[in-house]
Amino acid sequence: MKTKTTFYHAGCPVCASAEQNIAQALDRSRFDLEIVHLGQNKARLVEAERAGVKSVPALVLGGQVFHINFGADLGVLR
């Protein structure tokens, strides 16, 4: 069974770079990766907050949040 993995970002250069690196690094046979652009899909902000995301870019891997650098606080995306 694959581990659900969600990468949340806002489309900034830091986020775009992190997205590329994560997409290349994750073993797709083990991880089910979904990429969510919160700048374009604001309806998913509540979901990201409930998962524990405080800023983007962030990766939620098997329910655990990993914040990558500090691109933008979620409050800025509202």
Protein backbone atom coordinates (compact mmCIF):
# COMPACT_ATOMS: atom_id res chain seq x y z
CA MET A 1 0.00 0.00 0.00
CA LYS A 2 1.29 3.44 -0.92
CA THR A 3 1.74 6.20 1.65
CA LYS A 4 -0.44 9.25 0.97
CA THR A 5 1.78 12.27 0.47
CA THR A 6 0.61 15.81 -0.22
CA PHE A 7 2.85 18.68 -1.24
CA TYR A 8 1.27 22.09 -0.56
CA HIS A 9 2.69 25.19 -2.19
CA ALA A 10 1.79 28.69 -3.37
CA GLY A 11 3.61 28.82 -6.71
CA CYS A 12 6.55 30.99 -5.64
CA PRO A 13 10.09 30.21 -6.90
CA VAL A 14 11.00 28.46 -3.61
CA CYS A 15 7.87 26.32 -3.91
CA ALA A 16 8.48 25.49 -7.57
CA SER A 17 12.02 24.36 -6.84
CA ALA A 18 10.89 22.25 -3.87
CA GLU A 19 8.12 20.71 -5.99
CA GLN A 20 10.60 19.61 -8.65
CA ASN A 21 12.99 18.13 -6.11
CA ILE A 22 10.27 16.25 -4.24
CA ALA A 23 8.64 14.93 -7.40
CA GLN A 24 11.99 13.57 -8.56
CA ALA A 25 13.10 12.20 -5.19
CA LEU A 26 9.99 10.31 -4.07
CA ASP A 27 9.71 6.67 -5.02
CA ARG A 28 6.31 6.62 -6.74
CA SER A 29 5.98 2.89 -6.11
CA ARG A 30 5.90 3.65 -2.35
CA PHE A 31 4.30 7.12 -2.21
CA ASP A 32 1.06 8.46 -3.68
CA LEU A 33 2.02 12.10 -4.29
CA GLU A 34 -0.57 14.83 -4.73
CA ILE A 35 0.56 18.38 -5.46
CA VAL A 36 -1.75 21.17 -4.27
CA HIS A 37 -1.25 24.78 -5.38
CA LEU A 38 -2.96 26.71 -2.58
CA GLY A 39 -2.72 29.98 -4.47
CA GLN A 40 -5.01 28.52 -7.14
CA ASN A 41 -7.04 26.19 -4.93
CA LYS A 42 -7.94 28.17 -1.83
CA ALA A 43 -10.67 25.68 -0.95
CA ARG A 44 -7.90 23.33 0.23
CA LEU A 45 -6.48 25.82 2.78
CA VAL A 46 -8.61 24.41 5.61
CA GLU A 47 -7.44 20.90 4.76
CA ALA A 48 -3.80 22.02 4.87
CA GLU A 49 -4.32 23.75 8.23
CA ARG A 50 -6.00 20.64 9.68
CA ALA A 51 -3.02 18.58 8.56
CA GLY A 52 -0.75 20.92 10.55
CA VAL A 53 0.68 23.02 7.72
CA LYS A 54 1.72 26.48 8.96
CA SER A 55 3.58 27.73 5.90
CA VAL A 56 4.35 26.64 2.38
CA PRO A 57 6.07 24.85 0.83
CA ALA A 58 5.22 21.90 3.04
CA LEU A 59 5.05 18.16 2.58
CA VAL A 60 2.57 16.01 4.50
CA LEU A 61 3.96 12.50 4.45
CA GLY A 62 1.94 9.78 6.12
CA GLY A 63 0.24 12.38 8.32
CA GLN A 64 3.47 14.09 9.42
CA VAL A 65 4.18 17.66 8.28
CA PHE A 66 7.57 18.70 6.96
CA HIS A 67 7.96 22.43 6.40
CA ILE A 68 10.46 23.24 3.66
CA ASN A 69 12.11 26.64 3.93
CA PHE A 70 9.62 29.43 4.62
CA GLY A 71 7.89 30.69 1.51
CA ALA A 72 4.58 32.04 2.82
CA ASP A 73 2.43 31.80 5.92
CA LEU A 74 -0.96 30.25 5.17
CA GLY A 75 -2.65 33.44 6.41
CA VAL A 76 -1.17 35.33 3.45
CA LEU A 77 -2.93 32.98 1.03
CA ARG A 78 -6.44 33.76 2.29
